[in-house]
Amino acid sequence: MTDRTRRRPGAAKGNPVVYGHVVPQAKDVVSMTADALGISQAQAIEAILLSLSLDGDGVPSTIDRSQFHREELPIPAA
């Protein structure tokens, strides 16, 4: 791990939190980006997300939609 510049104290106050479990390869992308740019992992995630080109539905254009299937869950009747 290299030295990284952090945001100034309080700079992220009020920002929403993104949390989720990811595969090790995805975590490696965040770590490598943070190391290469000398920024925190939170700033790297933000930079990665904000650099994505979105389609008309708000989905990153590089995502193959055929890999994902919408599934409706049954809702029990009242």
PDB file of N, CA and C in Angstrom:
ATOM      1  N   MET A   1       0.840  -1.176   0.000  1.00  0.00           N
ATOM      2  CA  MET A   1       0.000   0.000   0.000  1.00  0.00           C
ATOM      3  C   MET A   1       0.883   1.236   0.000  1.00  0.00           C
ATOM      4  N   THR A   2       0.496   2.234  -0.781  1.00  0.00           N
ATOM      5  CA  THR A   2       1.257   3.473  -0.841  1.00  0.00           C
ATOM      6  C   THR A   2       0.602   4.529   0.033  1.00  0.00           C
ATOM      7  N   ASP A   3       1.319   5.630   0.222  1.00  0.00           N
ATOM      8  CA  ASP A   3       0.739   6.742   0.978  1.00  0.00           C
ATOM      9  C   ASP A   3      -0.387   7.349   0.161  1.00  0.00           C
ATOM     10  N   ARG A   4      -1.479   7.633   0.818  1.00  0.00           N
ATOM     11  CA  ARG A   4      -2.636   8.203   0.135  1.00  0.00           C
ATOM     12  C   ARG A   4      -3.058   9.485   0.828  1.00  0.00           C
ATOM     13  N   THR A   5      -3.515  10.437   0.048  1.00  0.00           N
ATOM     14  CA  THR A   5      -4.056  11.678   0.585  1.00  0.00           C
ATOM     15  C   THR A   5      -5.494  11.424   0.977  1.00  0.00           C
ATOM     16  N   ARG A   6      -5.849  11.861   2.156  1.00  0.00           N
ATOM     17  CA  ARG A   6      -7.226  11.703   2.621  1.00  0.00           C
ATOM     18  C   ARG A   6      -7.957  13.023   2.452  1.00  0.00           C
ATOM     19  N   ARG A   7      -9.276  12.959   2.479  1.00  0.00           N
ATOM     20  CA  ARG A   7     -10.069  14.179   2.452  1.00  0.00           C
ATOM     21  C   ARG A   7      -9.812  14.944   3.751  1.00  0.00           C
ATOM     22  N   ARG A   8     -10.041  16.219   3.715  1.00  0.00           N
ATOM     23  CA  ARG A   8      -9.883  16.999   4.948  1.00  0.00           C
ATOM     24  C   ARG A   8     -10.956  16.553   5.937  1.00  0.00           C
ATOM     25  N   PRO A   9     -10.684  16.616   7.226  1.00  0.00           N
ATOM     26  CA  PRO A   9     -11.659  16.180   8.234  1.00  0.00           C
ATOM     27  C   PRO A   9     -13.009  16.875   8.035  1.00  0.00           C
ATOM     28  N   GLY A  10     -14.061  16.083   8.051  1.00  0.00           N
ATOM     29  CA  GLY A  10     -15.414  16.602   7.915  1.00  0.00           C
ATOM     30  C   GLY A  10     -15.885  16.786   6.483  1.00  0.00           C
ATOM     31  N   ALA A  11     -15.011  16.573   5.501  1.00  0.00           N
ATOM     32  CA  ALA A  11     -15.378  16.808   4.100  1.00  0.00           C
ATOM     33  C   ALA A  11     -16.476  15.863   3.618  1.00  0.00           C
ATOM     34  N   ALA A  12     -16.555  14.681   4.175  1.00  0.00           N
ATOM     35  CA  ALA A  12     -17.556  13.712   3.730  1.00  0.00           C
ATOM     36  C   ALA A  12     -18.813  13.738   4.600  1.00  0.00           C
ATOM     37  N   LYS A  13     -18.837  14.624   5.573  1.00  0.00           N
ATOM     38  CA  LYS A  13     -19.984  14.684   6.483  1.00  0.00           C
ATOM     39  C   LYS A  13     -21.259  14.957   5.680  1.00  0.00           C
ATOM     40  N   GLY A  14     -22.279  14.145   5.937  1.00  0.00           N
ATOM     41  CA  GLY A  14     -23.547  14.309   5.244  1.00  0.00           C
ATOM     42  C   GLY A  14     -23.654  13.543   3.940  1.00  0.00           C
ATOM     43  N   ASN A  15     -22.535  13.010   3.447  1.00  0.00           N
ATOM     44  CA  ASN A  15     -22.585  12.217   2.225  1.00  0.00           C
ATOM     45  C   ASN A  15     -23.201  10.854   2.523  1.00  0.00           C
ATOM     46  N   PRO A  16     -23.964  10.286   1.570  1.00  0.00           N
ATOM     47  CA  PRO A  16     -24.518   8.947   1.794  1.00  0.00           C
ATOM     48  C   PRO A  16     -23.406   7.902   1.810  1.00  0.00           C
ATOM     49  N   VAL A  17     -23.682   6.779   2.433  1.00  0.00           N
ATOM     50  CA  VAL A  17     -22.715   5.686   2.534  1.00  0.00           C
ATOM     51  C   VAL A  17     -23.093   4.596   1.536  1.00  0.00           C
ATOM     52  N   VAL A  18     -22.091   4.075   0.836  1.00  0.00           N
ATOM     53  CA  VAL A  18     -22.286   2.944  -0.065  1.00  0.00           C
ATOM     54  C   VAL A  18     -21.609   1.749   0.599  1.00  0.00           C
ATOM     55  N   TYR A  19     -22.346   0.667   0.750  1.00  0.00           N
ATOM     56  CA  TYR A  19     -21.794  -0.502   1.418  1.00  0.00           C
ATOM     57  C   TYR A  19     -22.240  -1.748   0.679  1.00  0.00           C
ATOM     58  N   GLY A  20     -21.319  -2.657   0.492  1.00  0.00           N
ATOM     59  CA  GLY A  20     -21.688  -3.929  -0.120  1.00  0.00           C
ATOM     60  C   GLY A  20     -20.489  -4.850  -0.198  1.00  0.00           C
ATOM     61  N   HIS A  21     -20.768  -6.126  -0.223  1.00  0.00           N
ATOM     62  CA  HIS A  21     -19.718  -7.124  -0.369  1.00  0.00           C
ATOM     63  C   HIS A  21     -19.433  -7.303  -1.859  1.00  0.00           C
ATOM     64  N   VAL A  22     -18.171  -7.349  -2.225  1.00  0.00           N
ATOM     65  CA  VAL A  22     -17.771  -7.501  -3.623  1.00  0.00           C
ATOM     66  C   VAL A  22     -16.754  -8.623  -3.745  1.00  0.00           C
ATOM     67  N   VAL A  23     -16.578  -9.104  -4.973  1.00  0.00           N
ATOM     68  CA  VAL A  23     -15.577 -10.143  -5.222  1.00  0.00           C
ATOM     69  C   VAL A  23     -14.187  -9.520  -5.078  1.00  0.00           C
ATOM     70  N   PRO A  24     -13.183 -10.325  -4.743  1.00  0.00           N
ATOM     71  CA  PRO A  24     -11.831  -9.784  -4.552  1.00  0.00           C
ATOM     72  C   PRO A  24     -11.309  -8.982  -5.745  1.00  0.00           C
ATOM     73  N   GLN A  25     -11.670  -9.371  -6.964  1.00  0.00           N
ATOM     74  CA  GLN A  25     -11.192  -8.642  -8.145  1.00  0.00           C
ATOM     75  C   GLN A  25     -11.723  -7.206  -8.159  1.00  0.00           C
ATOM     76  N   ALA A  26     -12.959  -7.012  -7.726  1.00  0.00           N
ATOM     77  CA  ALA A  26     -13.530  -5.665  -7.679  1.00  0.00           C
ATOM     78  C   ALA A  26     -12.824  -4.828  -6.609  1.00  0.00           C
ATOM     79  N   LYS A  27     -12.549  -5.426  -5.473  1.00  0.00           N
ATOM     80  CA  LYS A  27     -11.830  -4.726  -4.406  1.00  0.00           C
ATOM     81  C   LYS A  27     -10.429  -4.351  -4.864  1.00  0.00           C
ATOM     82  N   ASP A  28      -9.799  -5.241  -5.643  1.00  0.00           N
ATOM     83  CA  ASP A  28      -8.465  -4.947  -6.172  1.00  0.00           C
ATOM     84  C   ASP A  28      -8.481  -3.720  -7.086  1.00  0.00           C
ATOM     85  N   VAL A  29      -9.547  -3.558  -7.872  1.00  0.00           N
ATOM     86  CA  VAL A  29      -9.661  -2.386  -8.742  1.00  0.00           C
ATOM     87  C   VAL A  29      -9.677  -1.117  -7.898  1.00  0.00           C
ATOM     88  N   VAL A  30     -10.434  -1.134  -6.815  1.00  0.00           N
ATOM     89  CA  VAL A  30     -10.514   0.031  -5.922  1.00  0.00           C
ATOM     90  C   VAL A  30      -9.143   0.306  -5.304  1.00  0.00           C
ATOM     91  N   SER A  31      -8.502  -0.725  -4.798  1.00  0.00           N
ATOM     92  CA  SER A  31      -7.189  -0.560  -4.157  1.00  0.00           C
ATOM     93  C   SER A  31      -6.137  -0.061  -5.143  1.00  0.00           C
ATOM     94  N   MET A  32      -6.108  -0.643  -6.339  1.00  0.00           N
ATOM     95  CA  MET A  32      -5.116  -0.230  -7.346  1.00  0.00           C
ATOM     96  C   MET A  32      -5.359   1.212  -7.794  1.00  0.00           C
ATOM     97  N   THR A  33      -6.621   1.587  -7.957  1.00  0.00           N
ATOM     98  CA  THR A  33      -6.940   2.956  -8.350  1.00  0.00           C
ATOM     99  C   THR A  33      -6.516   3.927  -7.259  1.00  0.00           C
ATOM    100  N   ALA A  34      -6.833   3.598  -6.012  1.00  0.00           N
ATOM    101  CA  ALA A  34      -6.456   4.461  -4.891  1.00  0.00           C
ATOM    102  C   ALA A  34      -4.943   4.604  -4.791  1.00  0.00           C
ATOM    103  N   ASP A  35      -4.216   3.488  -4.932  1.00  0.00           N
ATOM    104  CA  ASP A  35      -2.753   3.539  -4.874  1.00  0.00           C
ATOM    105  C   ASP A  35      -2.173   4.377  -6.010  1.00  0.00           C
ATOM    106  N   ALA A  36      -2.675   4.156  -7.222  1.00  0.00           N
ATOM    107  CA  ALA A  36      -2.134   4.855  -8.393  1.00  0.00           C
ATOM    108  C   ALA A  36      -2.380   6.365  -8.317  1.00  0.00           C
ATOM    109  N   LEU A  37      -3.534   6.754  -7.783  1.00  0.00           N
ATOM    110  CA  LEU A  37      -3.872   8.174  -7.702  1.00  0.00           C
ATOM    111  C   LEU A  37      -3.449   8.812  -6.383  1.00  0.00           C
ATOM    112  N   GLY A  38      -3.066   7.975  -5.410  1.00  0.00           N
ATOM    113  CA  GLY A  38      -2.651   8.495  -4.110  1.00  0.00           C
ATOM    114  C   GLY A  38      -3.807   9.085  -3.330  1.00  0.00           C
ATOM    115  N   ILE A  39      -4.985   8.448  -3.458  1.00  0.00           N
ATOM    116  CA  ILE A  39      -6.176   8.928  -2.770  1.00  0.00           C
ATOM    117  C   ILE A  39      -6.749   7.806  -1.908  1.00  0.00           C
ATOM    118  N   SER A  40      -7.734   8.132  -1.092  1.00  0.00           N
ATOM    119  CA  SER A  40      -8.359   7.114  -0.254  1.00  0.00           C
ATOM    120  C   SER A  40      -9.207   6.178  -1.108  1.00  0.00           C
ATOM    121  N   GLN A  41      -9.542   5.030  -0.554  1.00  0.00           N
ATOM    122  CA  GLN A  41     -10.383   4.095  -1.288  1.00  0.00           C
ATOM    123  C   GLN A  41     -11.780   4.667  -1.495  1.00  0.00           C
ATOM    124  N   ALA A  42     -12.278   5.437  -0.554  1.00  0.00           N
ATOM    125  CA  ALA A  42     -13.584   6.075  -0.723  1.00  0.00           C
ATOM    126  C   ALA A  42     -13.555   7.047  -1.903  1.00  0.00           C
ATOM    127  N   GLN A  43     -12.488   7.820  -2.012  1.00  0.00           N
ATOM    128  CA  GLN A  43     -12.356   8.741  -3.139  1.00  0.00           C
ATOM    129  C   GLN A  43     -12.199   7.969  -4.448  1.00  0.00           C
ATOM    130  N   ALA A  44     -11.525   6.821  -4.415  1.00  0.00           N
ATOM    131  CA  ALA A  44     -11.364   6.003  -5.611  1.00  0.00           C
ATOM    132  C   ALA A  44     -12.711   5.461  -6.075  1.00  0.00           C
ATOM    133  N   ILE A  45     -13.518   4.973  -5.135  1.00  0.00           N
ATOM    134  CA  ILE A  45     -14.855   4.471  -5.487  1.00  0.00           C
ATOM    135  C   ILE A  45     -15.669   5.601  -6.115  1.00  0.00           C
ATOM    136  N   GLU A  46     -15.619   6.769  -5.509  1.00  0.00           N
ATOM    137  CA  GLU A  46     -16.348   7.921  -6.025  1.00  0.00           C
ATOM    138  C   GLU A  46     -15.876   8.273  -7.439  1.00  0.00           C
ATOM    139  N   ALA A  47     -14.572   8.306  -7.654  1.00  0.00           N
ATOM    140  CA  ALA A  47     -14.028   8.640  -8.972  1.00  0.00           C
ATOM    141  C   ALA A  47     -14.437   7.607 -10.020  1.00  0.00           C
ATOM    142  N   ILE A  48     -14.374   6.335  -9.649  1.00  0.00           N
ATOM    143  CA  ILE A  48     -14.760   5.266 -10.581  1.00  0.00           C
ATOM    144  C   ILE A  48     -16.230   5.409 -10.960  1.00  0.00           C
ATOM    145  N   LEU A  49     -17.097   5.580  -9.979  1.00  0.00           N
ATOM    146  CA  LEU A  49     -18.531   5.678 -10.244  1.00  0.00           C
ATOM    147  C   LEU A  49     -18.869   6.910 -11.076  1.00  0.00           C
ATOM    148  N   LEU A  50     -18.262   8.040 -10.759  1.00  0.00           N
ATOM    149  CA  LEU A  50     -18.574   9.275 -11.480  1.00  0.00           C
ATOM    150  C   LEU A  50     -17.992   9.308 -12.888  1.00  0.00           C
ATOM    151  N   SER A  51     -17.048   8.413 -13.187  1.00  0.00           N
ATOM    152  CA  SER A  51     -16.457   8.386 -14.527  1.00  0.00           C
ATOM    153  C   SER A  51     -17.221   7.481 -15.489  1.00  0.00           C
ATOM    154  N   LEU A  52     -18.223   6.752 -14.976  1.00  0.00           N
ATOM    155  CA  LEU A  52     -18.973   5.825 -15.822  1.00  0.00           C
ATOM    156  C   LEU A  52     -19.909   6.568 -16.766  1.00  0.00           C
ATOM    157  N   SER A  53     -19.968   6.102 -17.996  1.00  0.00           N
ATOM    158  CA  SER A  53     -20.910   6.614 -18.983  1.00  0.00           C
ATOM    159  C   SER A  53     -22.209   5.826 -18.822  1.00  0.00           C
ATOM    160  N   LEU A  54     -23.329   6.536 -18.619  1.00  0.00           N
ATOM    161  CA  LEU A  54     -24.601   5.876 -18.369  1.00  0.00           C
ATOM    162  C   LEU A  54     -25.496   5.902 -19.606  1.00  0.00           C
ATOM    163  N   ASP A  55     -26.291   4.836 -19.776  1.00  0.00           N
ATOM    164  CA  ASP A  55     -27.256   4.819 -20.874  1.00  0.00           C
ATOM    165  C   ASP A  55     -28.522   5.556 -20.434  1.00  0.00           C
ATOM    166  N   GLY A  56     -29.546   5.545 -21.255  1.00  0.00           N
ATOM    167  CA  GLY A  56     -30.775   6.266 -20.966  1.00  0.00           C
ATOM    168  C   GLY A  56     -31.491   5.811 -19.714  1.00  0.00           C
ATOM    169  N   ASP A  57     -31.237   4.571 -19.281  1.00  0.00           N
ATOM    170  CA  ASP A  57     -31.856   4.044 -18.064  1.00  0.00           C
ATOM    171  C   ASP A  57     -31.004   4.262 -16.827  1.00  0.00           C
ATOM    172  N   GLY A  58     -29.841   4.892 -16.992  1.00  0.00           N
ATOM    173  CA  GLY A  58     -28.954   5.116 -15.858  1.00  0.00           C
ATOM    174  C   GLY A  58     -28.051   3.940 -15.544  1.00  0.00           C
ATOM    175  N   VAL A  59     -27.927   3.001 -16.484  1.00  0.00           N
ATOM    176  CA  VAL A  59     -27.067   1.828 -16.312  1.00  0.00           C
ATOM    177  C   VAL A  59     -25.753   2.098 -17.041  1.00  0.00           C
ATOM    178  N   PRO A  60     -24.593   1.812 -16.419  1.00  0.00           N
ATOM    179  CA  PRO A  60     -23.329   2.006 -17.127  1.00  0.00           C
ATOM    180  C   PRO A  60     -23.353   1.280 -18.476  1.00  0.00           C
ATOM    181  N   SER A  61     -22.933   1.999 -19.522  1.00  0.00           N
ATOM    182  CA  SER A  61     -23.025   1.464 -20.879  1.00  0.00           C
ATOM    183  C   SER A  61     -22.125   0.257 -21.113  1.00  0.00           C
ATOM    184  N   THR A  62     -21.166   0.021 -20.250  1.00  0.00           N
ATOM    185  CA  THR A  62     -20.279  -1.127 -20.416  1.00  0.00           C
ATOM    186  C   THR A  62     -20.849  -2.417 -19.834  1.00  0.00           C
ATOM    187  N   ILE A  63     -21.983  -2.333 -19.158  1.00  0.00           N
ATOM    188  CA  ILE A  63     -22.579  -3.523 -18.542  1.00  0.00           C
ATOM    189  C   ILE A  63     -23.404  -4.284 -19.572  1.00  0.00           C
ATOM    190  N   ASP A  64     -23.174  -5.574 -19.648  1.00  0.00           N
ATOM    191  CA  ASP A  64     -23.949  -6.457 -20.521  1.00  0.00           C
ATOM    192  C   ASP A  64     -25.239  -6.818 -19.786  1.00  0.00           C
ATOM    193  N   ARG A  65     -26.333  -6.215 -20.210  1.00  0.00           N
ATOM    194  CA  ARG A  65     -27.614  -6.425 -19.531  1.00  0.00           C
ATOM    195  C   ARG A  65     -28.087  -7.874 -19.581  1.00  0.00           C
ATOM    196  N   SER A  66     -27.634  -8.640 -20.576  1.00  0.00           N
ATOM    197  CA  SER A  66     -28.106 -10.026 -20.701  1.00  0.00           C
ATOM    198  C   SER A  66     -27.609 -10.909 -19.554  1.00  0.00           C
ATOM    199  N   GLN A  67     -26.647 -10.440 -18.785  1.00  0.00           N
ATOM    200  CA  GLN A  67     -26.144 -11.205 -17.641  1.00  0.00           C
ATOM    201  C   GLN A  67     -27.062 -11.095 -16.427  1.00  0.00           C
ATOM    202  N   PHE A  68     -28.007 -10.158 -16.472  1.00  0.00           N
ATOM    203  CA  PHE A  68     -28.860  -9.903 -15.324  1.00  0.00           C
ATOM    204  C   PHE A  68     -30.315 -10.101 -15.716  1.00  0.00           C
ATOM    205  N   HIS A  69     -31.063 -10.736 -14.836  1.00  0.00           N
ATOM    206  CA  HIS A  69     -32.469 -11.005 -15.101  1.00  0.00           C
ATOM    207  C   HIS A  69     -33.298 -10.459 -13.953  1.00  0.00           C
ATOM    208  N   ARG A  70     -34.320  -9.705 -14.308  1.00  0.00           N
ATOM    209  CA  ARG A  70     -35.230  -9.209 -13.273  1.00  0.00           C
ATOM    210  C   ARG A  70     -36.143 -10.337 -12.864  1.00  0.00           C
ATOM    211  N   GLU A  71     -36.344 -10.421 -11.612  1.00  0.00           N
ATOM    212  CA  GLU A  71     -37.160 -11.500 -11.073  1.00  0.00           C
ATOM    213  C   GLU A  71     -38.162 -10.875 -10.112  1.00  0.00           C
ATOM    214  N   GLU A  72     -39.426 -11.107 -10.326  1.00  0.00           N
ATOM    215  CA  GLU A  72     -40.424 -10.583  -9.416  1.00  0.00           C
ATOM    216  C   GLU A  72     -40.690 -11.618  -8.350  1.00  0.00           C
ATOM    217  N   LEU A  73     -40.634 -11.182  -7.109  1.00  0.00           N
ATOM    218  CA  LEU A  73     -40.897 -12.090  -5.997  1.00  0.00           C
ATOM    219  C   LEU A  73     -42.385 -12.079  -5.698  1.00  0.00           C
ATOM    220  N   PRO A  74     -42.923 -13.227  -5.345  1.00  0.00           N
ATOM    221  CA  PRO A  74     -44.354 -13.275  -5.030  1.00  0.00           C
ATOM    222  C   PRO A  74     -44.647 -12.494  -3.742  1.00  0.00           C
ATOM    223  N   ILE A  75     -45.694 -11.716  -3.785  1.00  0.00           N
ATOM    224  CA  ILE A  75     -46.122 -10.974  -2.606  1.00  0.00           C
ATOM    225  C   ILE A  75     -47.349 -11.672  -2.053  1.00  0.00           C
ATOM    226  N   PRO A  76     -47.293 -12.105  -0.794  1.00  0.00           N
ATOM    227  CA  PRO A  76     -48.439 -12.819  -0.219  1.00  0.00           C
ATOM    228  C   PRO A  76     -49.664 -11.911  -0.142  1.00  0.00           C
ATOM    229  N   ALA A  77     -50.827 -12.482  -0.431  1.00  0.00           N
ATOM    230  CA  ALA A  77     -52.074 -11.724  -0.347  1.00  0.00           C
ATOM    231  C   ALA A  77     -52.392 -11.426   1.112  1.00  0.00           C
ATOM    232  N   ALA A  78     -53.015 -10.285   1.313  1.00  0.00           N
ATOM    233  CA  ALA A  78     -53.340  -9.879   2.700  1.00  0.00           C
ATOM    234  C   ALA A  78     -54.486 -10.683   3.251  1.00  0.00           C
TER     235      ALA A  78
END
